[in-house]
């Protein structure tokens, strides 16, 4: 090849450098392994549990996760009792479904502040964080689903001269 010719393929580049032997005909060249992010270390307490804090609106959840049969206890009560609505229980179990870990972990959580919807979101956030601390390999699918990010939306404050945050009082012409 002369100096003014362009390099259009990897084999042309190998011929230019002369360092690496050319790949045999009909055989695909070996691709280098894609660089992967180093896995974080497993973070467990003295009892073999992973701990994390989850937040949503005004609710804060402290979550402990350990291997078990899939029992979820919130504030000392079973999840069916504490979160009576099926949609809230569905929200709590989303991280396990994304990670294909249904029924493999027991969860103990204490939640305070906010309403039931915010508390369910806080427990979900805490479970997701604790799951990635127990099994660092699950961080990628859980993060891709958006469960590790704290949902920062909160209620807008009431303004003076208004009925609510933006709602005006009813206008009366007479």
C-alpha atoms as a PDB file:
ATOM      1  CA  UNK A   1       0.000   0.000   0.000  1.00  0.00           C
ATOM      2  CA  UNK A   2       1.180   3.464  -0.742  1.00  0.00           C
ATOM      3  CA  UNK A   3       0.978   6.380   1.679  1.00  0.00           C
ATOM      4  CA  UNK A   4      -1.950   8.113  -0.007  1.00  0.00           C
ATOM      5  CA  UNK A   5      -4.302   5.083   0.120  1.00  0.00           C
ATOM      6  CA  UNK A   6      -6.954   4.943   2.857  1.00  0.00           C
ATOM      7  CA  UNK A   7      -7.341   2.093   5.308  1.00  0.00           C
ATOM      8  CA  UNK A   8     -10.820   0.596   4.835  1.00  0.00           C
ATOM      9  CA  UNK A   9     -10.729  -2.559   6.953  1.00  0.00           C
ATOM     10  CA  UNK A  10      -8.925  -4.162   9.858  1.00  0.00           C
ATOM     11  CA  UNK A  11      -6.958  -6.446   7.568  1.00  0.00           C
ATOM     12  CA  UNK A  12      -5.606  -3.359   5.729  1.00  0.00           C
ATOM     13  CA  UNK A  13      -4.528  -1.950   9.080  1.00  0.00           C
ATOM     14  CA  UNK A  14      -2.752  -5.196  10.011  1.00  0.00           C
ATOM     15  CA  UNK A  15      -0.899  -5.182   6.704  1.00  0.00           C
ATOM     16  CA  UNK A  16       0.252  -1.627   7.361  1.00  0.00           C
ATOM     17  CA  UNK A  17       1.617  -2.331  10.836  1.00  0.00           C
ATOM     18  CA  UNK A  18       2.906  -5.823  10.160  1.00  0.00           C
ATOM     19  CA  UNK A  19       2.731  -6.636  13.887  1.00  0.00           C
ATOM     20  CA  UNK A  20      -0.188  -9.062  14.041  1.00  0.00           C
ATOM     21  CA  UNK A  21      -0.494 -12.080  11.776  1.00  0.00           C
ATOM     22  CA  UNK A  22      -3.396 -11.955   9.339  1.00  0.00           C
ATOM     23  CA  UNK A  23      -6.468 -14.026  10.237  1.00  0.00           C
ATOM     24  CA  UNK A  24      -6.883 -17.225   8.201  1.00  0.00           C
ATOM     25  CA  UNK A  25      -9.329 -17.081   5.305  1.00  0.00           C
ATOM     26  CA  UNK A  26     -12.936 -17.972   6.182  1.00  0.00           C
ATOM     27  CA  UNK A  27     -12.334 -17.517   9.913  1.00  0.00           C
ATOM     28  CA  UNK A  28     -13.650 -14.445  11.703  1.00  0.00           C
ATOM     29  CA  UNK A  29     -10.995 -12.471  13.586  1.00  0.00           C
ATOM     30  CA  UNK A  30     -11.172 -12.850  17.350  1.00  0.00           C
ATOM     31  CA  UNK A  31     -12.787  -9.792  18.919  1.00  0.00           C
ATOM     32  CA  UNK A  32     -11.383  -8.486  22.180  1.00  0.00           C
ATOM     33  CA  UNK A  33     -13.597  -8.890  25.220  1.00  0.00           C
ATOM     34  CA  UNK A  34     -15.788  -5.854  25.822  1.00  0.00           C
ATOM     35  CA  UNK A  35     -14.638  -3.939  28.896  1.00  0.00           C
ATOM     36  CA  UNK A  36     -17.179  -4.386  31.648  1.00  0.00           C
ATOM     37  CA  UNK A  37     -17.711  -2.248  34.707  1.00  0.00           C
ATOM     38  CA  UNK A  38     -16.055  -3.718  37.784  1.00  0.00           C
ATOM     39  CA  UNK A  39     -18.619  -5.262  40.084  1.00  0.00           C
ATOM     40  CA  UNK A  40     -19.177  -3.572  43.409  1.00  0.00           C
ATOM     41  CA  UNK A  41     -18.571  -5.525  46.569  1.00  0.00           C
ATOM     42  CA  UNK A  42     -21.359  -7.261  48.437  1.00  0.00           C
ATOM     43  CA  UNK A  43     -22.389  -5.205  51.483  1.00  0.00           C
ATOM     44  CA  UNK A  44     -23.837  -7.290  54.325  1.00  0.00           C
ATOM     45  CA  UNK A  45     -24.294  -6.654  58.048  1.00  0.00           C
ATOM     46  CA  UNK A  46     -23.331  -9.021  60.880  1.00  0.00           C
ATOM     47  CA  UNK A  47     -26.563 -11.018  60.376  1.00  0.00           C
ATOM     48  CA  UNK A  48     -25.996 -11.599  56.651  1.00  0.00           C
ATOM     49  CA  UNK A  49     -28.584  -9.018  55.565  1.00  0.00           C
ATOM     50  CA  UNK A  50     -28.323  -6.210  53.046  1.00  0.00           C
ATOM     51  CA  UNK A  51     -29.565  -2.835  54.322  1.00  0.00           C
ATOM     52  CA  UNK A  52     -30.771   0.118  52.264  1.00  0.00           C
ATOM     53  CA  UNK A  53     -32.864   3.239  52.631  1.00  0.00           C
ATOM     54  CA  UNK A  54     -35.614   4.065  50.144  1.00  0.00           C
ATOM     55  CA  UNK A  55     -37.361   7.409  49.726  1.00  0.00           C
ATOM     56  CA  UNK A  56     -40.422   8.614  47.833  1.00  0.00           C
ATOM     57  CA  UNK A  57     -42.407  11.842  48.392  1.00  0.00           C
ATOM     58  CA  UNK A  58     -42.354  12.298  52.187  1.00  0.00           C
ATOM     59  CA  UNK A  59     -41.968   8.588  52.976  1.00  0.00           C
ATOM     60  CA  UNK A  60     -38.728   6.990  54.182  1.00  0.00           C
ATOM     61  CA  UNK A  61     -38.276   3.213  54.257  1.00  0.00           C
ATOM     62  CA  UNK A  62     -35.505   1.286  55.985  1.00  0.00           C
ATOM     63  CA  UNK A  63     -35.205  -2.110  54.282  1.00  0.00           C
ATOM     64  CA  UNK A  64     -33.345  -5.281  55.294  1.00  0.00           C
ATOM     65  CA  UNK A  65     -33.053  -8.083  52.722  1.00  0.00           C
ATOM     66  CA  UNK A  66     -31.967 -11.681  53.341  1.00  0.00           C
ATOM     67  CA  UNK A  67     -32.408 -15.000  51.508  1.00  0.00           C
ATOM     68  CA  UNK A  68     -35.665 -16.706  52.351  1.00  0.00           C
ATOM     69  CA  UNK A  69     -39.092 -17.683  51.086  1.00  0.00           C
ATOM     70  CA  UNK A  70     -40.339 -14.332  49.790  1.00  0.00           C
ATOM     71  CA  UNK A  71     -42.025 -13.070  52.974  1.00  0.00           C
ATOM     72  CA  UNK A  72     -42.390  -9.275  53.084  1.00  0.00           C
ATOM     73  CA  UNK A  73     -42.949  -7.667  56.491  1.00  0.00           C
ATOM     74  CA  UNK A  74     -43.627  -3.940  56.777  1.00  0.00           C
ATOM     75  CA  UNK A  75     -43.767  -2.263  60.195  1.00  0.00           C
ATOM     76  CA  UNK A  76     -44.237  -5.684  61.805  1.00  0.00           C
ATOM     77  CA  UNK A  77     -47.226  -6.590  59.605  1.00  0.00           C
ATOM     78  CA  UNK A  78     -47.516  -8.775  56.527  1.00  0.00           C
ATOM     79  CA  UNK A  79     -47.578  -6.957  53.168  1.00  0.00           C
ATOM     80  CA  UNK A  80     -51.183  -8.077  52.476  1.00  0.00           C
ATOM     81  CA  UNK A  81     -52.294  -6.418  55.712  1.00  0.00           C
ATOM     82  CA  UNK A  82     -50.208  -3.229  55.462  1.00  0.00           C
ATOM     83  CA  UNK A  83     -50.717  -2.626  51.725  1.00  0.00           C
ATOM     84  CA  UNK A  84     -54.282  -3.843  51.204  1.00  0.00           C
ATOM     85  CA  UNK A  85     -54.462  -2.565  47.607  1.00  0.00           C
ATOM     86  CA  UNK A  86     -53.077  -5.072  45.082  1.00  0.00           C
ATOM     87  CA  UNK A  87     -51.481  -2.279  43.035  1.00  0.00           C
ATOM     88  CA  UNK A  88     -49.288  -1.283  45.979  1.00  0.00           C
ATOM     89  CA  UNK A  89     -48.162  -4.893  46.489  1.00  0.00           C
ATOM     90  CA  UNK A  90     -47.415  -5.054  42.757  1.00  0.00           C
ATOM     91  CA  UNK A  91     -45.204  -1.959  43.086  1.00  0.00           C
ATOM     92  CA  UNK A  92     -43.246  -3.574  45.934  1.00  0.00           C
ATOM     93  CA  UNK A  93     -42.592  -6.790  43.996  1.00  0.00           C
ATOM     94  CA  UNK A  94     -41.395  -5.080  40.781  1.00  0.00           C
ATOM     95  CA  UNK A  95     -37.645  -5.214  41.624  1.00  0.00           C
ATOM     96  CA  UNK A  96     -37.838  -8.978  42.243  1.00  0.00           C
ATOM     97  CA  UNK A  97     -39.666  -9.566  38.956  1.00  0.00           C
ATOM     98  CA  UNK A  98     -37.128  -7.529  36.975  1.00  0.00           C
ATOM     99  CA  UNK A  99     -34.257  -9.473  38.568  1.00  0.00           C
ATOM    100  CA  UNK A 100     -36.021 -12.896  38.314  1.00  0.00           C
ATOM    101  CA  UNK A 101     -35.776 -13.366  42.079  1.00  0.00           C
ATOM    102  CA  UNK A 102     -39.459 -13.926  42.975  1.00  0.00           C
ATOM    103  CA  UNK A 103     -39.811 -15.697  46.321  1.00  0.00           C
ATOM    104  CA  UNK A 104     -36.073 -15.909  46.992  1.00  0.00           C
ATOM    105  CA  UNK A 105     -35.659 -13.104  49.538  1.00  0.00           C
ATOM    106  CA  UNK A 106     -37.334 -12.105  52.785  1.00  0.00           C
ATOM    107  CA  UNK A 107     -37.847  -8.388  53.330  1.00  0.00           C
ATOM    108  CA  UNK A 108     -38.217  -6.585  56.637  1.00  0.00           C
ATOM    109  CA  UNK A 109     -39.021  -2.886  56.285  1.00  0.00           C
ATOM    110  CA  UNK A 110     -39.941  -0.006  58.555  1.00  0.00           C
ATOM    111  CA  UNK A 111     -41.669   2.909  56.852  1.00  0.00           C
ATOM    112  CA  UNK A 112     -42.597   6.332  58.171  1.00  0.00           C
ATOM    113  CA  UNK A 113     -44.030   9.491  56.678  1.00  0.00           C
ATOM    114  CA  UNK A 114     -46.206  10.127  53.658  1.00  0.00           C
ATOM    115  CA  UNK A 115     -49.219   8.152  52.503  1.00  0.00           C
ATOM    116  CA  UNK A 116     -49.579   4.567  51.362  1.00  0.00           C
ATOM    117  CA  UNK A 117     -48.575   5.250  47.752  1.00  0.00           C
ATOM    118  CA  UNK A 118     -45.435   7.101  48.781  1.00  0.00           C
ATOM    119  CA  UNK A 119     -44.589   4.402  51.298  1.00  0.00           C
ATOM    120  CA  UNK A 120     -44.940   1.678  48.663  1.00  0.00           C
ATOM    121  CA  UNK A 121     -42.616   3.641  46.380  1.00  0.00           C
ATOM    122  CA  UNK A 122     -40.129   4.079  49.231  1.00  0.00           C
ATOM    123  CA  UNK A 123     -40.143   0.340  49.990  1.00  0.00           C
ATOM    124  CA  UNK A 124     -39.639  -0.417  46.283  1.00  0.00           C
ATOM    125  CA  UNK A 125     -36.681   1.983  46.161  1.00  0.00           C
ATOM    126  CA  UNK A 126     -35.198   0.421  49.305  1.00  0.00           C
ATOM    127  CA  UNK A 127     -35.665  -3.142  48.023  1.00  0.00           C
ATOM    128  CA  UNK A 128     -33.947  -2.213  44.767  1.00  0.00           C
ATOM    129  CA  UNK A 129     -30.994  -0.663  46.596  1.00  0.00           C
ATOM    130  CA  UNK A 130     -30.685  -3.619  48.989  1.00  0.00           C
ATOM    131  CA  UNK A 131     -30.949  -6.137  46.137  1.00  0.00           C
ATOM    132  CA  UNK A 132     -27.993  -4.543  44.365  1.00  0.00           C
ATOM    133  CA  UNK A 133     -26.019  -4.583  47.620  1.00  0.00           C
ATOM    134  CA  UNK A 134     -26.743  -8.290  48.145  1.00  0.00           C
ATOM    135  CA  UNK A 135     -26.179  -9.277  44.505  1.00  0.00           C
ATOM    136  CA  UNK A 136     -24.018  -6.644  42.757  1.00  0.00           C
ATOM    137  CA  UNK A 137     -24.496  -8.451  39.412  1.00  0.00           C
ATOM    138  CA  UNK A 138     -28.188  -7.423  39.458  1.00  0.00           C
ATOM    139  CA  UNK A 139     -27.328  -3.709  39.407  1.00  0.00           C
ATOM    140  CA  UNK A 140     -27.514  -3.432  35.594  1.00  0.00           C
ATOM    141  CA  UNK A 141     -31.087  -4.764  35.079  1.00  0.00           C
ATOM    142  CA  UNK A 142     -32.454  -2.964  38.152  1.00  0.00           C
ATOM    143  CA  UNK A 143     -30.827   0.315  37.130  1.00  0.00           C
ATOM    144  CA  UNK A 144     -32.049  -0.087  33.535  1.00  0.00           C
ATOM    145  CA  UNK A 145     -35.604  -0.373  34.885  1.00  0.00           C
ATOM    146  CA  UNK A 146     -35.072   2.920  36.730  1.00  0.00           C
ATOM    147  CA  UNK A 147     -35.593   1.535  40.234  1.00  0.00           C
ATOM    148  CA  UNK A 148     -32.342   2.834  41.743  1.00  0.00           C
ATOM    149  CA  UNK A 149     -33.156   6.462  41.021  1.00  0.00           C
ATOM    150  CA  UNK A 150     -35.023   8.323  43.746  1.00  0.00           C
ATOM    151  CA  UNK A 151     -38.234   9.808  42.358  1.00  0.00           C
ATOM    152  CA  UNK A 152     -37.752  13.425  43.426  1.00  0.00           C
ATOM    153  CA  UNK A 153     -41.284  14.629  42.648  1.00  0.00           C
ATOM    154  CA  UNK A 154     -42.932  16.087  45.739  1.00  0.00           C
ATOM    155  CA  UNK A 155     -46.139  18.035  46.360  1.00  0.00           C
ATOM    156  CA  UNK A 156     -45.917  21.687  45.402  1.00  0.00           C
ATOM    157  CA  UNK A 157     -46.424  24.097  48.282  1.00  0.00           C
ATOM    158  CA  UNK A 158     -49.570  26.200  48.665  1.00  0.00           C
ATOM    159  CA  UNK A 159     -49.229  29.839  47.635  1.00  0.00           C
ATOM    160  CA  UNK A 160     -50.867  32.818  49.345  1.00  0.00           C
ATOM    161  CA  UNK A 161     -53.908  34.226  47.552  1.00  0.00           C
ATOM    162  CA  UNK A 162     -54.634  30.776  46.095  1.00  0.00           C
ATOM    163  CA  UNK A 163     -56.905  27.928  47.168  1.00  0.00           C
ATOM    164  CA  UNK A 164     -54.155  25.332  46.605  1.00  0.00           C
ATOM    165  CA  UNK A 165     -50.757  25.425  44.918  1.00  0.00           C
ATOM    166  CA  UNK A 166     -52.143  26.796  41.641  1.00  0.00           C
ATOM    167  CA  UNK A 167     -55.934  26.700  41.977  1.00  0.00           C
ATOM    168  CA  UNK A 168     -57.521  30.132  42.303  1.00  0.00           C
ATOM    169  CA  UNK A 169     -60.545  30.923  44.392  1.00  0.00           C
ATOM    170  CA  UNK A 170     -63.827  30.975  42.453  1.00  0.00           C
ATOM    171  CA  UNK A 171     -64.257  34.254  40.594  1.00  0.00           C
ATOM    172  CA  UNK A 172     -67.418  36.215  41.299  1.00  0.00           C
ATOM    173  CA  UNK A 173     -68.378  38.975  38.884  1.00  0.00           C
ATOM    174  CA  UNK A 174     -71.065  40.423  41.242  1.00  0.00           C
END
